Amino acid sequence: APPAATQPAPVPARAPSPAPAPATVVTPKAPAEPVMNEPESPVHPFAKVRDVTYAPPTAQNFSALPTKYKSRDRTYTNLAPIVQQQIAETIYKWSMAQPVVPLTIEEILSILPDVRNKFREAVTPRRVVHDAGRTVPATEGATTATIEEVDEEQSAVFELDCHGDVLDDGATVIPDVYETYLRVSKSPEPNKLLVASESHALRTIEVNIDRRETIDCILDPGSQVICMSAALCHHLGLMYDPTITLSMQSANRGVDRSLGLVKNVPCQIGPITLYLQIHVIQRASYDVLLGRPFDVITESVVRNYADETQTITLICPNTESKLTVPT
């Protein structure tokens, strides 16, 4: 049989194409203006500090009542011995019963404080300024003296008392120097009077300590010990005994405790070698202070001169040799 005719395959229906989107119109925009941030002002360094004029309730109790004032116990009163309460009562009774009431001084002073004040002012002694022409009576306890004027041209006559005893033959009478100076006649060019200076510098001598270093040591005969500052002791490397200490008292009564004692320190002054015991002081304003032990062991003799120079003569305690050192 002839082949059956084939029918064409059905074509699927095509979906309708979407409508084209409407064209979008782009409008150009103006460029945005830049935002200018204002600069921040600097912060004060004490802005976060707590206010000192205000205390919060945690630190201050606002509800507490003020403390009541306690008056002092009046255990005594000031009262004149003449004031008596019974006198006032007696005068009151008399005045009620009699037209005239005679009062004694005691009764008047007891009841009238103003009268008591008048009496006190009248009997209290006070300073009285004397007039130039007023003569002070002898009852006031003033001492009188007679002053005789001496002619300036009159020659000076010295009258010396000798307690009534007769002077021996050849005795020497020494008049008062100040009185003699006042009675000397004034000359056109009076002699110059030398006086002492207000102050002079301290004197020092060079001492070689422990054969290590030469130090300028202050001469101080008013000190009872020989002292060295702790700074110099540590610099020289001297060893000291800390168990031997003493309290050093200065002229202004300040007290410093010493650190210890350096024993038998060889100190050389020229050819003389001395072995000294030196106390170590913590806060000293000097390096070495030569006190009385130095003067005793050397039998020192100090000589001062008017030009402020000074020499000291020393004797070696071991060799008996003498040495004069300028300070």
C-alpha atoms as a PDB file:
ATOM      1  CA  ALA A   1       0.000   0.000   0.000  1.00  0.00           C
ATOM      2  CA  PRO A   2       1.251   3.402  -0.712  1.00  0.00           C
ATOM      3  CA  PRO A   3       2.802   5.177   2.181  1.00  0.00           C
ATOM      4  CA  ALA A   4       0.563   7.382   3.999  1.00  0.00           C
ATOM      5  CA  ALA A   5       1.150  11.013   3.511  1.00  0.00           C
ATOM      6  CA  THR A   6       2.946  12.609   6.433  1.00  0.00           C
ATOM      7  CA  GLN A   7       1.545  15.727   7.853  1.00  0.00           C
ATOM      8  CA  PRO A   8       3.933  18.585   8.583  1.00  0.00           C
ATOM      9  CA  ALA A   9       4.862  19.114  12.240  1.00  0.00           C
ATOM     10  CA  PRO A  10       3.024  21.965  13.838  1.00  0.00           C
ATOM     11  CA  VAL A  11       5.113  25.101  14.298  1.00  0.00           C
ATOM     12  CA  PRO A  12       4.878  26.484  17.826  1.00  0.00           C
ATOM     13  CA  ALA A  13       3.425  29.851  18.096  1.00  0.00           C
ATOM     14  CA  ARG A  14       6.093  32.552  18.594  1.00  0.00           C
ATOM     15  CA  ALA A  15       5.662  34.789  21.506  1.00  0.00           C
ATOM     16  CA  PRO A  16       5.126  38.374  20.653  1.00  0.00           C
ATOM     17  CA  SER A  17       8.291  40.429  20.894  1.00  0.00           C
ATOM     18  CA  PRO A  18       8.298  42.922  23.751  1.00  0.00           C
ATOM     19  CA  ALA A  19       7.667  46.452  22.942  1.00  0.00           C
ATOM     20  CA  PRO A  20      10.786  48.572  22.871  1.00  0.00           C
ATOM     21  CA  ALA A  21      11.436  50.548  26.083  1.00  0.00           C
ATOM     22  CA  PRO A  22      10.851  54.212  25.820  1.00  0.00           C
ATOM     23  CA  ALA A  23      13.978  56.265  25.439  1.00  0.00           C
ATOM     24  CA  THR A  24      15.231  57.842  28.701  1.00  0.00           C
ATOM     25  CA  VAL A  25      16.161  61.445  28.504  1.00  0.00           C
ATOM     26  CA  VAL A  26      19.272  62.216  30.653  1.00  0.00           C
ATOM     27  CA  THR A  27      19.391  65.768  31.926  1.00  0.00           C
ATOM     28  CA  PRO A  28      22.913  66.980  32.754  1.00  0.00           C
ATOM     29  CA  LYS A  29      23.301  68.038  36.416  1.00  0.00           C
ATOM     30  CA  ALA A  30      25.321  70.907  37.733  1.00  0.00           C
ATOM     31  CA  PRO A  31      28.494  69.871  39.619  1.00  0.00           C
ATOM     32  CA  ALA A  32      27.964  69.638  43.385  1.00  0.00           C
ATOM     33  CA  GLU A  33      29.593  72.388  45.413  1.00  0.00           C
ATOM     34  CA  PRO A  34      32.291  71.139  47.799  1.00  0.00           C
ATOM     35  CA  VAL A  35      31.278  71.273  51.480  1.00  0.00           C
ATOM     36  CA  MET A  36      33.733  73.380  53.509  1.00  0.00           C
ATOM     37  CA  ASN A  37      34.144  72.017  57.038  1.00  0.00           C
ATOM     38  CA  GLU A  38      34.866  74.753  59.565  1.00  0.00           C
ATOM     39  CA  PRO A  39      38.110  74.143  61.540  1.00  0.00           C
ATOM     40  CA  GLU A  40      37.499  73.033  65.110  1.00  0.00           C
ATOM     41  CA  SER A  41      38.695  75.404  67.820  1.00  0.00           C
ATOM     42  CA  PRO A  42      41.423  74.041  70.162  1.00  0.00           C
ATOM     43  CA  VAL A  43      40.221  72.463  73.384  1.00  0.00           C
ATOM     44  CA  HIS A  44      41.282  74.242  76.590  1.00  0.00           C
ATOM     45  CA  PRO A  45      43.711  72.053  78.581  1.00  0.00           C
ATOM     46  CA  PHE A  46      41.663  72.544  81.783  1.00  0.00           C
ATOM     47  CA  ALA A  47      38.234  72.064  80.209  1.00  0.00           C
ATOM     48  CA  LYS A  48      37.704  68.699  81.955  1.00  0.00           C
ATOM     49  CA  VAL A  49      38.967  69.820  85.354  1.00  0.00           C
ATOM     50  CA  ARG A  50      36.460  69.417  88.171  1.00  0.00           C
ATOM     51  CA  ASP A  51      34.885  72.613  89.448  1.00  0.00           C
ATOM     52  CA  VAL A  52      36.474  73.455  92.766  1.00  0.00           C
ATOM     53  CA  THR A  53      33.556  75.655  93.848  1.00  0.00           C
ATOM     54  CA  TYR A  54      31.047  72.812  93.713  1.00  0.00           C
ATOM     55  CA  ALA A  55      31.123  69.511  95.534  1.00  0.00           C
ATOM     56  CA  PRO A  56      28.652  66.794  94.473  1.00  0.00           C
ATOM     57  CA  PRO A  57      26.392  65.183  97.092  1.00  0.00           C
ATOM     58  CA  THR A  58      28.718  62.168  97.229  1.00  0.00           C
ATOM     59  CA  ALA A  59      31.505  64.397  98.556  1.00  0.00           C
ATOM     60  CA  GLN A  60      29.389  66.889 100.507  1.00  0.00           C
ATOM     61  CA  ASN A  61      26.429  66.212 102.763  1.00  0.00           C
ATOM     62  CA  PHE A  62      23.820  68.893 102.132  1.00  0.00           C
ATOM     63  CA  SER A  63      21.325  67.466 104.612  1.00  0.00           C
ATOM     64  CA  ALA A  64      23.594  67.622 107.669  1.00  0.00           C
ATOM     65  CA  LEU A  65      22.580  70.204 110.238  1.00  0.00           C
ATOM     66  CA  PRO A  66      25.109  72.787 111.378  1.00  0.00           C
ATOM     67  CA  THR A  67      26.927  72.010 114.571  1.00  0.00           C
ATOM     68  CA  LYS A  68      25.468  73.638 117.611  1.00  0.00           C
ATOM     69  CA  TYR A  69      27.690  76.140 119.364  1.00  0.00           C
ATOM     70  CA  LYS A  70      28.629  74.997 122.812  1.00  0.00           C
ATOM     71  CA  SER A  71      28.954  77.856 125.192  1.00  0.00           C
ATOM     72  CA  ARG A  72      31.771  77.766 127.680  1.00  0.00           C
ATOM     73  CA  ASP A  73      30.976  76.654 131.162  1.00  0.00           C
ATOM     74  CA  ARG A  74      31.048  79.733 133.350  1.00  0.00           C
ATOM     75  CA  THR A  75      32.857  78.246 136.306  1.00  0.00           C
ATOM     76  CA  TYR A  76      33.819  81.674 137.632  1.00  0.00           C
ATOM     77  CA  THR A  77      32.966  85.352 137.305  1.00  0.00           C
ATOM     78  CA  ASN A  78      34.943  88.507 137.891  1.00  0.00           C
ATOM     79  CA  LEU A  79      33.710  90.134 141.093  1.00  0.00           C
ATOM     80  CA  ALA A  80      35.305  92.751 143.323  1.00  0.00           C
ATOM     81  CA  PRO A  81      35.755  91.614 146.956  1.00  0.00           C
ATOM     82  CA  ILE A  82      33.901  94.676 148.232  1.00  0.00           C
ATOM     83  CA  VAL A  83      30.714  93.763 146.337  1.00  0.00           C
ATOM     84  CA  GLN A  84      28.303  92.003 148.728  1.00  0.00           C
ATOM     85  CA  GLN A  85      24.684  91.168 147.990  1.00  0.00           C
ATOM     86  CA  GLN A  86      23.523  91.635 151.571  1.00  0.00           C
ATOM     87  CA  ILE A  87      24.706  95.269 151.558  1.00  0.00           C
ATOM     88  CA  ALA A  88      22.413  96.079 148.642  1.00  0.00           C
ATOM     89  CA  GLU A  89      19.481  94.385 150.388  1.00  0.00           C
ATOM     90  CA  THR A  90      20.183  96.274 153.633  1.00  0.00           C
ATOM     91  CA  ILE A  91      20.332  99.636 151.847  1.00  0.00           C
ATOM     92  CA  TYR A  92      17.063  98.817 150.084  1.00  0.00           C
ATOM     93  CA  LYS A  93      15.325  98.085 153.393  1.00  0.00           C
ATOM     94  CA  TRP A  94      16.707 101.278 154.961  1.00  0.00           C
ATOM     95  CA  SER A  95      15.548 103.391 152.046  1.00  0.00           C
ATOM     96  CA  MET A  96      12.035 101.956 152.370  1.00  0.00           C
ATOM     97  CA  ALA A  97      11.847 102.660 156.101  1.00  0.00           C
ATOM     98  CA  GLN A  98      13.755 105.952 156.522  1.00  0.00           C
ATOM     99  CA  PRO A  99      13.766 109.212 154.564  1.00  0.00           C
ATOM    100  CA  VAL A 100      17.518 109.677 155.015  1.00  0.00           C
ATOM    101  CA  VAL A 101      19.919 106.741 154.657  1.00  0.00           C
ATOM    102  CA  PRO A 102      23.566 107.352 155.720  1.00  0.00           C
ATOM    103  CA  LEU A 103      26.009 105.250 153.675  1.00  0.00           C
ATOM    104  CA  THR A 104      29.610 104.365 154.377  1.00  0.00           C
ATOM    105  CA  ILE A 105      32.384 104.271 151.760  1.00  0.00           C
ATOM    106  CA  GLU A 106      32.231 100.461 151.730  1.00  0.00           C
ATOM    107  CA  GLU A 107      28.505 100.498 151.022  1.00  0.00           C
ATOM    108  CA  ILE A 108      28.849 103.101 148.257  1.00  0.00           C
ATOM    109  CA  LEU A 109      31.635 101.150 146.515  1.00  0.00           C
ATOM    110  CA  SER A 110      29.648  97.916 146.849  1.00  0.00           C
ATOM    111  CA  ILE A 111      26.522  99.138 145.065  1.00  0.00           C
ATOM    112  CA  LEU A 112      27.931 101.703 142.594  1.00  0.00           C
ATOM    113  CA  PRO A 113      30.361 100.317 139.956  1.00  0.00           C
ATOM    114  CA  ASP A 114      30.908 103.782 138.430  1.00  0.00           C
ATOM    115  CA  VAL A 115      32.126 105.092 141.766  1.00  0.00           C
ATOM    116  CA  ARG A 116      34.491 102.119 142.024  1.00  0.00           C
ATOM    117  CA  ASN A 117      35.939 102.997 138.617  1.00  0.00           C
ATOM    118  CA  LYS A 118      36.494 106.597 139.713  1.00  0.00           C
ATOM    119  CA  PHE A 119      38.308 105.433 142.833  1.00  0.00           C
ATOM    120  CA  ARG A 120      40.469 103.055 140.790  1.00  0.00           C
ATOM    121  CA  GLU A 121      41.414 105.779 138.304  1.00  0.00           C
ATOM    122  CA  ALA A 122      42.289 108.155 141.135  1.00  0.00           C
ATOM    123  CA  VAL A 123      44.690 105.761 142.904  1.00  0.00           C
ATOM    124  CA  THR A 124      46.301 104.068 139.874  1.00  0.00           C
ATOM    125  CA  PRO A 125      49.811 105.513 139.183  1.00  0.00           C
ATOM    126  CA  ARG A 126      50.486 106.765 135.667  1.00  0.00           C
ATOM    127  CA  ARG A 127      53.343 108.290 133.732  1.00  0.00           C
ATOM    128  CA  VAL A 128      53.510 112.053 134.099  1.00  0.00           C
ATOM    129  CA  VAL A 129      55.544 114.194 131.687  1.00  0.00           C
ATOM    130  CA  HIS A 130      57.482 116.800 133.657  1.00  0.00           C
ATOM    131  CA  ASP A 131      57.668 120.356 132.409  1.00  0.00           C
ATOM    132  CA  ALA A 132      61.048 121.908 131.651  1.00  0.00           C
ATOM    133  CA  GLY A 133      60.750 124.474 134.466  1.00  0.00           C
ATOM    134  CA  ARG A 134      59.032 122.198 136.952  1.00  0.00           C
ATOM    135  CA  THR A 135      61.022 121.028 139.946  1.00  0.00           C
ATOM    136  CA  VAL A 136      60.525 117.395 140.868  1.00  0.00           C
ATOM    137  CA  PRO A 137      59.841 117.054 144.623  1.00  0.00           C
ATOM    138  CA  ALA A 138      62.059 114.791 146.658  1.00  0.00           C
ATOM    139  CA  THR A 139      59.091 112.583 147.544  1.00  0.00           C
ATOM    140  CA  GLU A 140      58.946 111.282 143.973  1.00  0.00           C
ATOM    141  CA  GLY A 141      62.214 109.423 144.420  1.00  0.00           C
ATOM    142  CA  ALA A 142      64.185 111.431 141.841  1.00  0.00           C
ATOM    143  CA  THR A 143      67.965 111.679 142.228  1.00  0.00           C
ATOM    144  CA  THR A 144      69.590 115.066 141.874  1.00  0.00           C
ATOM    145  CA  ALA A 145      73.100 115.776 140.624  1.00  0.00           C
ATOM    146  CA  THR A 146      75.197 118.902 140.259  1.00  0.00           C
ATOM    147  CA  ILE A 147      77.114 119.485 137.019  1.00  0.00           C
ATOM    148  CA  GLU A 148      79.985 121.929 137.088  1.00  0.00           C
ATOM    149  CA  GLU A 149      81.209 123.491 133.861  1.00  0.00           C
ATOM    150  CA  VAL A 150      84.954 123.250 133.267  1.00  0.00           C
ATOM    151  CA  ASP A 151      86.807 125.806 131.202  1.00  0.00           C
ATOM    152  CA  GLU A 152      88.196 124.239 128.035  1.00  0.00           C
ATOM    153  CA  GLU A 153      91.450 126.201 128.369  1.00  0.00           C
ATOM    154  CA  GLN A 154      92.055 124.810 131.838  1.00  0.00           C
ATOM    155  CA  SER A 155      94.841 122.265 131.910  1.00  0.00           C
ATOM    156  CA  ALA A 156      93.875 118.653 132.520  1.00  0.00           C
ATOM    157  CA  VAL A 157      94.362 117.506 136.116  1.00  0.00           C
ATOM    158  CA  PHE A 158      94.127 113.793 136.878  1.00  0.00           C
ATOM    159  CA  GLU A 159      92.809 112.874 140.300  1.00  0.00           C
ATOM    160  CA  LEU A 160      93.084 109.181 141.050  1.00  0.00           C
ATOM    161  CA  ASP A 161      91.646 107.446 144.069  1.00  0.00           C
ATOM    162  CA  CYS A 162      93.749 104.899 145.889  1.00  0.00           C
ATOM    163  CA  HIS A 163      91.142 103.727 148.430  1.00  0.00           C
ATOM    164  CA  GLY A 164      92.662 106.000 151.076  1.00  0.00           C
ATOM    165  CA  ASP A 165      95.986 104.150 151.210  1.00  0.00           C
ATOM    166  CA  VAL A 166      99.266 106.015 150.895  1.00  0.00           C
ATOM    167  CA  LEU A 167     101.169 105.216 147.712  1.00  0.00           C
ATOM    168  CA  ASP A 168     104.529 103.586 148.105  1.00  0.00           C
ATOM    169  CA  ASP A 169     107.666 105.325 146.933  1.00  0.00           C
ATOM    170  CA  GLY A 170     108.256 104.661 143.273  1.00  0.00           C
ATOM    171  CA  ALA A 171     104.678 103.443 142.684  1.00  0.00           C
ATOM    172  CA  THR A 172     103.356 103.709 139.133  1.00  0.00           C
ATOM    173  CA  VAL A 173      99.927 105.251 138.604  1.00  0.00           C
ATOM    174  CA  ILE A 174      98.241 104.347 135.316  1.00  0.00           C
ATOM    175  CA  PRO A 175      95.342 106.677 134.412  1.00  0.00           C
ATOM    176  CA  ASP A 176      92.294 105.500 132.502  1.00  0.00           C
ATOM    177  CA  VAL A 177      93.121 105.480 128.790  1.00  0.00           C
ATOM    178  CA  TYR A 178      89.672 106.512 127.588  1.00  0.00           C
ATOM    179  CA  GLU A 179      89.408 109.362 130.100  1.00  0.00           C
ATOM    180  CA  THR A 180      92.870 110.559 129.117  1.00  0.00           C
ATOM    181  CA  TYR A 181      91.882 110.551 125.446  1.00  0.00           C
ATOM    182  CA  LEU A 182      88.787 112.653 126.173  1.00  0.00           C
ATOM    183  CA  ARG A 183      90.753 115.233 128.198  1.00  0.00           C
ATOM    184  CA  VAL A 184      93.532 115.699 125.674  1.00  0.00           C
ATOM    185  CA  SER A 185      93.345 119.140 124.089  1.00  0.00           C
ATOM    186  CA  LYS A 186      92.128 119.131 120.513  1.00  0.00           C
ATOM    187  CA  SER A 187      94.907 119.732 118.016  1.00  0.00           C
ATOM    188  CA  PRO A 188      94.487 120.762 114.368  1.00  0.00           C
ATOM    189  CA  GLU A 189      95.589 117.279 113.276  1.00  0.00           C
ATOM    190  CA  PRO A 190      94.466 114.697 115.823  1.00  0.00           C
ATOM    191  CA  ASN A 191      96.278 111.412 115.974  1.00  0.00           C
ATOM    192  CA  LYS A 192      94.727 108.595 113.971  1.00  0.00           C
ATOM    193  CA  LEU A 193      93.008 105.885 115.979  1.00  0.00           C
ATOM    194  CA  LEU A 194      93.469 102.393 114.589  1.00  0.00           C
ATOM    195  CA  VAL A 195      90.477 100.084 114.925  1.00  0.00           C
ATOM    196  CA  ALA A 196      89.969  96.414 114.166  1.00  0.00           C
ATOM    197  CA  SER A 197      88.489  95.260 110.885  1.00  0.00           C
ATOM    198  CA  GLU A 198      85.024  93.725 110.718  1.00  0.00           C
ATOM    199  CA  SER A 199      86.318  90.346 109.524  1.00  0.00           C
ATOM    200  CA  HIS A 200      89.403  88.546 108.220  1.00  0.00           C
ATOM    201  CA  ALA A 201      89.791  85.477 106.053  1.00  0.00           C
ATOM    202  CA  LEU A 202      90.496  82.102 107.621  1.00  0.00           C
ATOM    203  CA  ARG A 203      94.055  80.800 107.352  1.00  0.00           C
ATOM    204  CA  THR A 204      94.969  77.457 105.758  1.00  0.00           C
ATOM    205  CA  ILE A 205      98.076  75.316 105.318  1.00  0.00           C
ATOM    206  CA  GLU A 206      98.868  72.682 102.694  1.00  0.00           C
ATOM    207  CA  VAL A 207      98.877  69.117 104.039  1.00  0.00           C
ATOM    208  CA  ASN A 208      99.613  65.943 102.058  1.00  0.00           C
ATOM    209  CA  ILE A 209      97.061  63.406 103.311  1.00  0.00           C
ATOM    210  CA  ASP A 210      97.949  59.689 103.185  1.00  0.00           C
ATOM    211  CA  ARG A 211     100.621  60.444 100.525  1.00  0.00           C
ATOM    212  CA  ARG A 212      97.854  60.756  97.945  1.00  0.00           C
ATOM    213  CA  GLU A 213      96.814  64.393  97.547  1.00  0.00           C
ATOM    214  CA  THR A 214      97.730  67.806  98.964  1.00  0.00           C
ATOM    215  CA  ILE A 215      94.745  69.581 100.525  1.00  0.00           C
ATOM    216  CA  ASP A 216      94.322  73.122 101.911  1.00  0.00           C
ATOM    217  CA  CYS A 217      93.345  72.546 105.549  1.00  0.00           C
ATOM    218  CA  ILE A 218      91.681  75.246 107.671  1.00  0.00           C
ATOM    219  CA  LEU A 219      93.304  76.145 110.995  1.00  0.00           C
ATOM    220  CA  ASP A 220      90.584  76.243 113.658  1.00  0.00           C
ATOM    221  CA  PRO A 221      91.827  76.217 117.272  1.00  0.00           C
ATOM    222  CA  GLY A 222      88.213  76.540 118.433  1.00  0.00           C
ATOM    223  CA  SER A 223      87.351  72.990 117.290  1.00  0.00           C
ATOM    224  CA  GLN A 224      87.847  70.093 119.700  1.00  0.00           C
ATOM    225  CA  VAL A 225      88.444  67.515 116.951  1.00  0.00           C
ATOM    226  CA  ILE A 226      89.978  67.199 113.484  1.00  0.00           C
ATOM    227  CA  CYS A 227      87.266  66.807 110.834  1.00  0.00           C
ATOM    228  CA  MET A 228      87.122  65.824 107.169  1.00  0.00           C
ATOM    229  CA  SER A 229      84.222  65.958 104.746  1.00  0.00           C
ATOM    230  CA  ALA A 230      82.729  62.655 103.612  1.00  0.00           C
ATOM    231  CA  ALA A 231      83.208  63.642  99.955  1.00  0.00           C
ATOM    232  CA  LEU A 232      86.981  64.046 100.393  1.00  0.00           C
ATOM    233  CA  CYS A 233      87.214  60.861 102.458  1.00  0.00           C
ATOM    234  CA  HIS A 234      85.551  58.828  99.702  1.00  0.00           C
ATOM    235  CA  HIS A 235      87.653  60.582  97.051  1.00  0.00           C
ATOM    236  CA  LEU A 236      90.895  59.614  98.812  1.00  0.00           C
ATOM    237  CA  GLY A 237      89.593  56.119  99.562  1.00  0.00           C
ATOM    238  CA  LEU A 238      90.210  56.322 103.312  1.00  0.00           C
ATOM    239  CA  MET A 239      88.657  53.638 105.499  1.00  0.00           C
ATOM    240  CA  TYR A 240      86.959  54.683 108.734  1.00  0.00           C
ATOM    241  CA  ASP A 241      85.476  52.934 111.761  1.00  0.00           C
ATOM    242  CA  PRO A 242      81.670  53.520 111.763  1.00  0.00           C
ATOM    243  CA  THR A 243      81.310  52.428 115.398  1.00  0.00           C
ATOM    244  CA  ILE A 244      83.124  55.520 116.694  1.00  0.00           C
ATOM    245  CA  THR A 245      80.816  58.489 116.143  1.00  0.00           C
ATOM    246  CA  LEU A 246      80.084  61.720 117.940  1.00  0.00           C
ATOM    247  CA  SER A 247      77.605  64.589 117.699  1.00  0.00           C
ATOM    248  CA  MET A 248      79.219  67.713 116.259  1.00  0.00           C
ATOM    249  CA  GLN A 249      77.654  70.954 117.513  1.00  0.00           C
ATOM    250  CA  SER A 250      78.385  74.112 115.539  1.00  0.00           C
ATOM    251  CA  ALA A 251      78.421  77.693 116.795  1.00  0.00           C
ATOM    252  CA  ASN A 252      74.740  78.158 115.907  1.00  0.00           C
ATOM    253  CA  ARG A 253      73.864  75.045 117.980  1.00  0.00           C
ATOM    254  CA  GLY A 254      73.261  72.867 114.923  1.00  0.00           C
ATOM    255  CA  VAL A 255      74.071  69.198 115.598  1.00  0.00           C
ATOM    256  CA  ASP A 256      75.464  66.775 112.969  1.00  0.00           C
ATOM    257  CA  ARG A 257      76.286  63.119 113.593  1.00  0.00           C
ATOM    258  CA  SER A 258      79.704  61.999 112.313  1.00  0.00           C
ATOM    259  CA  LEU A 259      80.024  58.924 110.095  1.00  0.00           C
ATOM    260  CA  GLY A 260      83.079  57.428 111.770  1.00  0.00           C
ATOM    261  CA  LEU A 261      86.750  57.845 112.676  1.00  0.00           C
ATOM    262  CA  VAL A 262      89.774  57.459 110.392  1.00  0.00           C
ATOM    263  CA  LYS A 263      92.630  56.273 112.601  1.00  0.00           C
ATOM    264  CA  ASN A 264      96.323  57.144 112.274  1.00  0.00           C
ATOM    265  CA  VAL A 265      96.123  59.051 108.983  1.00  0.00           C
ATOM    266  CA  PRO A 266      99.667  60.071 107.851  1.00  0.00           C
ATOM    267  CA  CYS A 267      99.621  63.821 107.195  1.00  0.00           C
ATOM    268  CA  GLN A 268     102.817  65.390 105.889  1.00  0.00           C
ATOM    269  CA  ILE A 269     103.701  69.084 106.246  1.00  0.00           C
ATOM    270  CA  GLY A 270     107.098  69.582 104.648  1.00  0.00           C
ATOM    271  CA  PRO A 271     109.522  67.185 106.375  1.00  0.00           C
ATOM    272  CA  ILE A 272     107.169  66.643 109.340  1.00  0.00           C
ATOM    273  CA  THR A 273     104.845  63.636 109.282  1.00  0.00           C
ATOM    274  CA  LEU A 274     101.943  63.545 111.738  1.00  0.00           C
ATOM    275  CA  TYR A 275      99.556  60.668 112.419  1.00  0.00           C
ATOM    276  CA  LEU A 276      96.146  62.181 113.107  1.00  0.00           C
ATOM    277  CA  GLN A 277      92.724  60.847 114.122  1.00  0.00           C
ATOM    278  CA  ILE A 278      90.149  62.388 111.769  1.00  0.00           C
ATOM    279  CA  HIS A 279      86.356  62.340 112.156  1.00  0.00           C
ATOM    280  CA  VAL A 280      84.292  62.074 108.951  1.00  0.00           C
ATOM    281  CA  ILE A 281      81.362  64.521 108.656  1.00  0.00           C
ATOM    282  CA  GLN A 282      78.517  63.935 106.187  1.00  0.00           C
ATOM    283  CA  ARG A 283      77.568  67.521 105.250  1.00  0.00           C
ATOM    284  CA  ALA A 284      80.645  69.679 105.782  1.00  0.00           C
ATOM    285  CA  SER A 285      81.362  73.052 104.172  1.00  0.00           C
ATOM    286  CA  TYR A 286      85.117  72.408 104.263  1.00  0.00           C
ATOM    287  CA  ASP A 287      87.575  69.702 103.232  1.00  0.00           C
ATOM    288  CA  VAL A 288      89.686  69.364 106.382  1.00  0.00           C
ATOM    289  CA  LEU A 289      89.439  71.260 109.679  1.00  0.00           C
ATOM    290  CA  LEU A 290      92.529  71.168 111.912  1.00  0.00           C
ATOM    291  CA  GLY A 291      91.329  71.591 115.491  1.00  0.00           C
ATOM    292  CA  ARG A 292      92.918  71.492 118.930  1.00  0.00           C
ATOM    293  CA  PRO A 293      94.486  67.997 118.583  1.00  0.00           C
ATOM    294  CA  PHE A 294      96.659  69.367 115.756  1.00  0.00           C
ATOM    295  CA  ASP A 295      97.841  72.325 117.895  1.00  0.00           C
ATOM    296  CA  VAL A 296      98.602  70.073 120.874  1.00  0.00           C
ATOM    297  CA  ILE A 297     100.621  67.425 119.030  1.00  0.00           C
ATOM    298  CA  THR A 298     102.680  70.044 117.134  1.00  0.00           C
ATOM    299  CA  GLU A 299     102.974  72.567 120.013  1.00  0.00           C
ATOM    300  CA  SER A 300     102.059  75.165 117.421  1.00  0.00           C
ATOM    301  CA  VAL A 301     102.911  78.837 117.888  1.00  0.00           C
ATOM    302  CA  VAL A 302     100.873  81.231 115.731  1.00  0.00           C
ATOM    303  CA  ARG A 303     102.132  84.736 114.949  1.00  0.00           C
ATOM    304  CA  ASN A 304      99.889  87.344 113.324  1.00  0.00           C
ATOM    305  CA  TYR A 305     101.034  90.547 111.632  1.00  0.00           C
ATOM    306  CA  ALA A 306      99.353  93.875 110.904  1.00  0.00           C
ATOM    307  CA  ASP A 307      99.392  93.204 107.146  1.00  0.00           C
ATOM    308  CA  GLU A 308      97.024  90.224 107.741  1.00  0.00           C
ATOM    309  CA  THR A 309      99.781  87.656 107.184  1.00  0.00           C
ATOM    310  CA  GLN A 310     100.319  84.792 109.582  1.00  0.00           C
ATOM    311  CA  THR A 311     102.966  82.182 110.312  1.00  0.00           C
ATOM    312  CA  ILE A 312     102.717  79.015 112.367  1.00  0.00           C
ATOM    313  CA  THR A 313     105.685  77.243 113.934  1.00  0.00           C
ATOM    314  CA  LEU A 314     105.362  73.457 114.313  1.00  0.00           C
ATOM    315  CA  ILE A 315     107.445  70.906 116.232  1.00  0.00           C
ATOM    316  CA  CYS A 316     107.570  67.286 115.079  1.00  0.00           C
ATOM    317  CA  PRO A 317     106.589  65.088 118.045  1.00  0.00           C
ATOM    318  CA  ASN A 318     108.891  62.263 116.886  1.00  0.00           C
ATOM    319  CA  THR A 319     112.041  64.021 115.630  1.00  0.00           C
ATOM    320  CA  GLU A 320     111.771  67.312 117.613  1.00  0.00           C
ATOM    321  CA  SER A 321     112.476  69.250 114.408  1.00  0.00           C
ATOM    322  CA  LYS A 322     110.938  72.721 114.039  1.00  0.00           C
ATOM    323  CA  LEU A 323     109.287  74.209 110.989  1.00  0.00           C
ATOM    324  CA  THR A 324     107.730  77.646 110.369  1.00  0.00           C
ATOM    325  CA  VAL A 325     104.964  77.578 107.758  1.00  0.00           C
ATOM    326  CA  PRO A 326     103.352  80.704 106.237  1.00  0.00           C
ATOM    327  CA  THR A 327      99.574  80.377 106.082  1.00  0.00           C
END
